[in-house]
């Protein structure tokens, strides 16, 4: 199980990235805790309750990364 967060700062393409705790690309502030999950998919679903455009981090949530 991993703890997931969504970056509240959007990327240049408008995505708000979902990160697992410990990812070096996760921001240290301006993030929202999403919960503890065994995969990134439910974390992305939870992140969509906060932001319209969501994507998994290429490095720590590659399974949920779509670009």
PDB file of N, CA and C in Angstrom:
ATOM      1  N   UNK A   1       0.849  -1.182   0.000  1.00  0.00           N
ATOM      2  CA  UNK A   1       0.000   0.000   0.000  1.00  0.00           C
ATOM      3  C   UNK A   1       0.892   1.242   0.000  1.00  0.00           C
ATOM      4  N   UNK A   2       0.471   2.221  -0.749  1.00  0.00           N
ATOM      5  CA  UNK A   2       1.214   3.485  -0.830  1.00  0.00           C
ATOM      6  C   UNK A   2       0.281   4.638  -0.515  1.00  0.00           C
ATOM      7  N   UNK A   3       0.837   5.695  -0.002  1.00  0.00           N
ATOM      8  CA  UNK A   3       0.075   6.921   0.253  1.00  0.00           C
ATOM      9  C   UNK A   3       0.204   7.798  -0.978  1.00  0.00           C
ATOM     10  N   UNK A   4      -0.938   8.265  -1.467  1.00  0.00           N
ATOM     11  CA  UNK A   4      -0.963   9.055  -2.699  1.00  0.00           C
ATOM     12  C   UNK A   4      -1.399  10.485  -2.429  1.00  0.00           C
ATOM     13  N   UNK A   5      -0.842  11.383  -3.230  1.00  0.00           N
ATOM     14  CA  UNK A   5      -1.126  12.816  -3.165  1.00  0.00           C
ATOM     15  C   UNK A   5      -1.346  13.335  -4.579  1.00  0.00           C
ATOM     16  N   UNK A   6      -2.108  14.416  -4.683  1.00  0.00           N
ATOM     17  CA  UNK A   6      -2.247  15.093  -5.973  1.00  0.00           C
ATOM     18  C   UNK A   6      -1.614  16.478  -5.843  1.00  0.00           C
ATOM     19  N   UNK A   7      -0.869  16.844  -6.848  1.00  0.00           N
ATOM     20  CA  UNK A   7      -0.243  18.159  -6.916  1.00  0.00           C
ATOM     21  C   UNK A   7      -1.326  19.175  -7.274  1.00  0.00           C
ATOM     22  N   UNK A   8      -1.525  20.177  -6.433  1.00  0.00           N
ATOM     23  CA  UNK A   8      -2.537  21.195  -6.701  1.00  0.00           C
ATOM     24  C   UNK A   8      -2.063  22.234  -7.719  1.00  0.00           C
ATOM     25  N   UNK A   9      -0.767  22.220  -8.029  1.00  0.00           N
ATOM     26  CA  UNK A   9      -0.234  23.076  -9.089  1.00  0.00           C
ATOM     27  C   UNK A   9      -0.350  22.302 -10.393  1.00  0.00           C
ATOM     28  N   UNK A  10      -0.996  22.882 -11.371  1.00  0.00           N
ATOM     29  CA  UNK A  10      -1.131  22.159 -12.637  1.00  0.00           C
ATOM     30  C   UNK A  10       0.136  22.257 -13.472  1.00  0.00           C
ATOM     31  N   UNK A  11       0.356  21.227 -14.269  1.00  0.00           N
ATOM     32  CA  UNK A  11       1.486  21.197 -15.193  1.00  0.00           C
ATOM     33  C   UNK A  11       1.185  22.143 -16.366  1.00  0.00           C
ATOM     34  N   UNK A  12       2.141  22.344 -17.245  1.00  0.00           N
ATOM     35  CA  UNK A  12       1.964  23.232 -18.395  1.00  0.00           C
ATOM     36  C   UNK A  12       0.799  22.782 -19.281  1.00  0.00           C
ATOM     37  N   UNK A  13       0.529  21.477 -19.328  1.00  0.00           N
ATOM     38  CA  UNK A  13      -0.568  20.963 -20.159  1.00  0.00           C
ATOM     39  C   UNK A  13      -1.911  20.926 -19.420  1.00  0.00           C
ATOM     40  N   UNK A  14      -1.926  21.396 -18.178  1.00  0.00           N
ATOM     41  CA  UNK A  14      -3.165  21.450 -17.411  1.00  0.00           C
ATOM     42  C   UNK A  14      -3.384  20.279 -16.468  1.00  0.00           C
ATOM     43  N   UNK A  15      -2.539  19.253 -16.539  1.00  0.00           N
ATOM     44  CA  UNK A  15      -2.679  18.087 -15.668  1.00  0.00           C
ATOM     45  C   UNK A  15      -2.307  18.406 -14.225  1.00  0.00           C
ATOM     46  N   UNK A  16      -3.014  17.767 -13.310  1.00  0.00           N
ATOM     47  CA  UNK A  16      -2.638  17.725 -11.901  1.00  0.00           C
ATOM     48  C   UNK A  16      -2.149  16.299 -11.674  1.00  0.00           C
ATOM     49  N   UNK A  17      -0.874  16.148 -11.341  1.00  0.00           N
ATOM     50  CA  UNK A  17      -0.280  14.821 -11.257  1.00  0.00           C
ATOM     51  C   UNK A  17      -0.493  14.168  -9.896  1.00  0.00           C
ATOM     52  N   UNK A  18      -0.753  12.856  -9.952  1.00  0.00           N
ATOM     53  CA  UNK A  18      -0.885  12.027  -8.761  1.00  0.00           C
ATOM     54  C   UNK A  18       0.476  11.381  -8.494  1.00  0.00           C
ATOM     55  N   UNK A  19       0.929  11.474  -7.239  1.00  0.00           N
ATOM     56  CA  UNK A  19       2.227  10.938  -6.836  1.00  0.00           C
ATOM     57  C   UNK A  19       2.079  10.031  -5.623  1.00  0.00           C
ATOM     58  N   UNK A  20       2.952   9.028  -5.562  1.00  0.00           N
ATOM     59  CA  UNK A  20       3.067   8.191  -4.370  1.00  0.00           C
ATOM     60  C   UNK A  20       4.086   8.844  -3.430  1.00  0.00           C
ATOM     61  N   UNK A  21       3.842   8.724  -2.134  1.00  0.00           N
ATOM     62  CA  UNK A  21       4.757   9.272  -1.149  1.00  0.00           C
ATOM     63  C   UNK A  21       6.154   8.716  -1.394  1.00  0.00           C
ATOM     64  N   UNK A  22       7.140   9.584  -1.403  1.00  0.00           N
ATOM     65  CA  UNK A  22       8.518   9.189  -1.653  1.00  0.00           C
ATOM     66  C   UNK A  22       8.997   9.528  -3.046  1.00  0.00           C
ATOM     67  N   UNK A  23       8.085   9.889  -3.935  1.00  0.00           N
ATOM     68  CA  UNK A  23       8.474  10.264  -5.298  1.00  0.00           C
ATOM     69  C   UNK A  23       9.254  11.576  -5.251  1.00  0.00           C
ATOM     70  N   UNK A  24      10.380  11.610  -5.940  1.00  0.00           N
ATOM     71  CA  UNK A  24      11.201  12.821  -5.934  1.00  0.00           C
ATOM     72  C   UNK A  24      10.569  13.959  -6.740  1.00  0.00           C
ATOM     73  N   UNK A  25       9.521  13.667  -7.498  1.00  0.00           N
ATOM     74  CA  UNK A  25       8.840  14.694  -8.291  1.00  0.00           C
ATOM     75  C   UNK A  25       7.592  15.249  -7.596  1.00  0.00           C
ATOM     76  N   UNK A  26       7.263  14.707  -6.428  1.00  0.00           N
ATOM     77  CA  UNK A  26       6.094  15.192  -5.686  1.00  0.00           C
ATOM     78  C   UNK A  26       6.449  16.503  -4.987  1.00  0.00           C
ATOM     79  N   UNK A  27       5.567  17.485  -5.066  1.00  0.00           N
ATOM     80  CA  UNK A  27       5.863  18.757  -4.400  1.00  0.00           C
ATOM     81  C   UNK A  27       5.837  18.599  -2.880  1.00  0.00           C
ATOM     82  N   UNK A  28       6.598  19.444  -2.204  1.00  0.00           N
ATOM     83  CA  UNK A  28       6.624  19.392  -0.744  1.00  0.00           C
ATOM     84  C   UNK A  28       5.477  20.189  -0.122  1.00  0.00           C
ATOM     85  N   UNK A  29       4.844  21.027  -0.925  1.00  0.00           N
ATOM     86  CA  UNK A  29       3.694  21.803  -0.444  1.00  0.00           C
ATOM     87  C   UNK A  29       2.669  21.894  -1.570  1.00  0.00           C
ATOM     88  N   UNK A  30       1.524  22.468  -1.259  1.00  0.00           N
ATOM     89  CA  UNK A  30       0.431  22.639  -2.214  1.00  0.00           C
ATOM     90  C   UNK A  30       0.031  21.310  -2.863  1.00  0.00           C
ATOM     91  N   UNK A  31      -0.219  20.326  -2.008  1.00  0.00           N
ATOM     92  CA  UNK A  31      -0.658  19.009  -2.447  1.00  0.00           C
ATOM     93  C   UNK A  31      -1.796  18.561  -1.553  1.00  0.00           C
ATOM     94  N   UNK A  32      -2.600  17.627  -2.044  1.00  0.00           N
ATOM     95  CA  UNK A  32      -3.728  17.107  -1.284  1.00  0.00           C
ATOM     96  C   UNK A  32      -3.555  15.611  -1.093  1.00  0.00           C
ATOM     97  N   UNK A  33      -3.692  15.168   0.151  1.00  0.00           N
ATOM     98  CA  UNK A  33      -3.602  13.746   0.454  1.00  0.00           C
ATOM     99  C   UNK A  33      -4.847  13.043  -0.084  1.00  0.00           C
ATOM    100  N   UNK A  34      -4.644  11.949  -0.805  1.00  0.00           N
ATOM    101  CA  UNK A  34      -5.755  11.225  -1.431  1.00  0.00           C
ATOM    102  C   UNK A  34      -6.123   9.953  -0.689  1.00  0.00           C
ATOM    103  N   UNK A  35      -5.178   9.369   0.017  1.00  0.00           N
ATOM    104  CA  UNK A  35      -5.436   8.131   0.736  1.00  0.00           C
ATOM    105  C   UNK A  35      -4.352   7.101   0.484  1.00  0.00           C
ATOM    106  N   UNK A  36      -4.549   5.927   1.059  1.00  0.00           N
ATOM    107  CA  UNK A  36      -3.606   4.822   0.934  1.00  0.00           C
ATOM    108  C   UNK A  36      -4.236   3.746   0.068  1.00  0.00           C
ATOM    109  N   UNK A  37      -3.562   3.389  -1.012  1.00  0.00           N
ATOM    110  CA  UNK A  37      -4.112   2.445  -1.989  1.00  0.00           C
ATOM    111  C   UNK A  37      -3.039   1.459  -2.438  1.00  0.00           C
ATOM    112  N   UNK A  38      -3.482   0.311  -2.930  1.00  0.00           N
ATOM    113  CA  UNK A  38      -2.542  -0.695  -3.426  1.00  0.00           C
ATOM    114  C   UNK A  38      -2.087  -0.398  -4.853  1.00  0.00           C
ATOM    115  N   UNK A  39      -2.855   0.414  -5.592  1.00  0.00           N
ATOM    116  CA  UNK A  39      -2.466   0.844  -6.936  1.00  0.00           C
ATOM    117  C   UNK A  39      -2.815   2.317  -7.090  1.00  0.00           C
ATOM    118  N   UNK A  40      -2.365   2.901  -8.182  1.00  0.00           N
ATOM    119  CA  UNK A  40      -2.627   4.325  -8.414  1.00  0.00           C
ATOM    120  C   UNK A  40      -4.041   4.590  -8.936  1.00  0.00           C
ATOM    121  N   UNK A  41      -4.711   3.605  -9.467  1.00  0.00           N
ATOM    122  CA  UNK A  41      -6.028   3.838 -10.093  1.00  0.00           C
ATOM    123  C   UNK A  41      -7.057   4.457  -9.141  1.00  0.00           C
ATOM    124  N   UNK A  42      -7.270   3.913  -7.941  1.00  0.00           N
ATOM    125  CA  UNK A  42      -8.229   4.579  -7.049  1.00  0.00           C
ATOM    126  C   UNK A  42      -7.761   5.963  -6.598  1.00  0.00           C
ATOM    127  N   UNK A  43      -6.456   6.172  -6.557  1.00  0.00           N
ATOM    128  CA  UNK A  43      -5.936   7.496  -6.196  1.00  0.00           C
ATOM    129  C   UNK A  43      -6.278   8.512  -7.276  1.00  0.00           C
ATOM    130  N   UNK A  44      -6.171   8.117  -8.537  1.00  0.00           N
ATOM    131  CA  UNK A  44      -6.534   9.000  -9.647  1.00  0.00           C
ATOM    132  C   UNK A  44      -8.034   9.307  -9.605  1.00  0.00           C
ATOM    133  N   UNK A  45      -8.835   8.294  -9.307  1.00  0.00           N
ATOM    134  CA  UNK A  45     -10.284   8.500  -9.186  1.00  0.00           C
ATOM    135  C   UNK A  45     -10.583   9.517  -8.089  1.00  0.00           C
ATOM    136  N   UNK A  46      -9.911   9.386  -6.957  1.00  0.00           N
ATOM    137  CA  UNK A  46     -10.096  10.322  -5.849  1.00  0.00           C
ATOM    138  C   UNK A  46      -9.618  11.723  -6.232  1.00  0.00           C
ATOM    139  N   UNK A  47      -8.523  11.813  -6.965  1.00  0.00           N
ATOM    140  CA  UNK A  47      -7.985  13.113  -7.384  1.00  0.00           C
ATOM    141  C   UNK A  47      -8.956  13.848  -8.291  1.00  0.00           C
ATOM    142  N   UNK A  48      -9.729  13.110  -9.065  1.00  0.00           N
ATOM    143  CA  UNK A  48     -10.705  13.743  -9.968  1.00  0.00           C
ATOM    144  C   UNK A  48     -11.847  14.419  -9.211  1.00  0.00           C
ATOM    145  N   UNK A  49     -11.982  14.126  -7.939  1.00  0.00           N
ATOM    146  CA  UNK A  49     -12.962  14.835  -7.097  1.00  0.00           C
ATOM    147  C   UNK A  49     -12.458  16.241  -6.777  1.00  0.00           C
ATOM    148  N   UNK A  50     -11.157  16.466  -6.932  1.00  0.00           N
ATOM    149  CA  UNK A  50     -10.534  17.750  -6.608  1.00  0.00           C
ATOM    150  C   UNK A  50     -10.173  18.560  -7.849  1.00  0.00           C
ATOM    151  N   UNK A  51      -9.825  17.855  -8.932  1.00  0.00           N
ATOM    152  CA  UNK A  51      -9.376  18.514 -10.169  1.00  0.00           C
ATOM    153  C   UNK A  51      -9.961  17.792 -11.374  1.00  0.00           C
ATOM    154  N   UNK A  52     -10.285  18.534 -12.398  1.00  0.00           N
ATOM    155  CA  UNK A  52     -10.901  17.963 -13.601  1.00  0.00           C
ATOM    156  C   UNK A  52      -9.895  17.178 -14.446  1.00  0.00           C
ATOM    157  N   UNK A  53      -8.703  17.703 -14.586  1.00  0.00           N
ATOM    158  CA  UNK A  53      -7.697  17.085 -15.450  1.00  0.00           C
ATOM    159  C   UNK A  53      -6.589  16.478 -14.575  1.00  0.00           C
ATOM    160  N   UNK A  54      -6.530  15.151 -14.535  1.00  0.00           N
ATOM    161  CA  UNK A  54      -5.620  14.436 -13.640  1.00  0.00           C
ATOM    162  C   UNK A  54      -4.837  13.403 -14.444  1.00  0.00           C
ATOM    163  N   UNK A  55      -3.589  13.176 -14.033  1.00  0.00           N
ATOM    164  CA  UNK A  55      -2.750  12.178 -14.681  1.00  0.00           C
ATOM    165  C   UNK A  55      -1.824  11.592 -13.626  1.00  0.00           C
ATOM    166  N   UNK A  56      -1.432  10.342 -13.792  1.00  0.00           N
ATOM    167  CA  UNK A  56      -0.462   9.727 -12.902  1.00  0.00           C
ATOM    168  C   UNK A  56       0.942  10.186 -13.250  1.00  0.00           C
ATOM    169  N   UNK A  57       1.785  10.275 -12.263  1.00  0.00           N
ATOM    170  CA  UNK A  57       3.185  10.635 -12.474  1.00  0.00           C
ATOM    171  C   UNK A  57       3.875   9.549 -13.299  1.00  0.00           C
ATOM    172  N   UNK A  58       4.656   9.956 -14.271  1.00  0.00           N
ATOM    173  CA  UNK A  58       5.379   9.019 -15.132  1.00  0.00           C
ATOM    174  C   UNK A  58       6.336   8.138 -14.319  1.00  0.00           C
ATOM    175  N   UNK A  59       6.889   8.672 -13.238  1.00  0.00           N
ATOM    176  CA  UNK A  59       7.921   7.979 -12.478  1.00  0.00           C
ATOM    177  C   UNK A  59       7.380   7.096 -11.352  1.00  0.00           C
ATOM    178  N   UNK A  60       6.348   7.531 -10.646  1.00  0.00           N
ATOM    179  CA  UNK A  60       5.881   6.744  -9.494  1.00  0.00           C
ATOM    180  C   UNK A  60       4.485   6.161  -9.688  1.00  0.00           C
ATOM    181  N   UNK A  61       3.758   6.584 -10.721  1.00  0.00           N
ATOM    182  CA  UNK A  61       2.407   6.056 -10.990  1.00  0.00           C
ATOM    183  C   UNK A  61       2.273   5.805 -12.485  1.00  0.00           C
ATOM    184  N   UNK A  62       3.283   5.159 -13.047  1.00  0.00           N
ATOM    185  CA  UNK A  62       3.355   4.972 -14.503  1.00  0.00           C
ATOM    186  C   UNK A  62       2.131   4.240 -15.053  1.00  0.00           C
ATOM    187  N   UNK A  63       1.590   3.311 -14.281  1.00  0.00           N
ATOM    188  CA  UNK A  63       0.396   2.575 -14.698  1.00  0.00           C
ATOM    189  C   UNK A  63      -0.776   3.524 -15.007  1.00  0.00           C
ATOM    190  N   UNK A  64      -0.777   4.665 -14.350  1.00  0.00           N
ATOM    191  CA  UNK A  64      -1.870   5.630 -14.522  1.00  0.00           C
ATOM    192  C   UNK A  64      -1.459   6.832 -15.362  1.00  0.00           C
ATOM    193  N   UNK A  65      -0.265   6.809 -15.890  1.00  0.00           N
ATOM    194  CA  UNK A  65       0.215   7.915 -16.724  1.00  0.00           C
ATOM    195  C   UNK A  65      -0.294   7.699 -18.157  1.00  0.00           C
ATOM    196  N   UNK A  66      -0.921   8.726 -18.716  1.00  0.00           N
ATOM    197  CA  UNK A  66      -1.571   8.552 -20.035  1.00  0.00           C
ATOM    198  C   UNK A  66      -0.879   9.284 -21.165  1.00  0.00           C
ATOM    199  N   UNK A  67       0.147  10.049 -20.901  1.00  0.00           N
ATOM    200  CA  UNK A  67       0.788  10.786 -21.996  1.00  0.00           C
ATOM    201  C   UNK A  67       2.217  10.401 -22.162  1.00  0.00           C
TER     202      UNK A  67
END
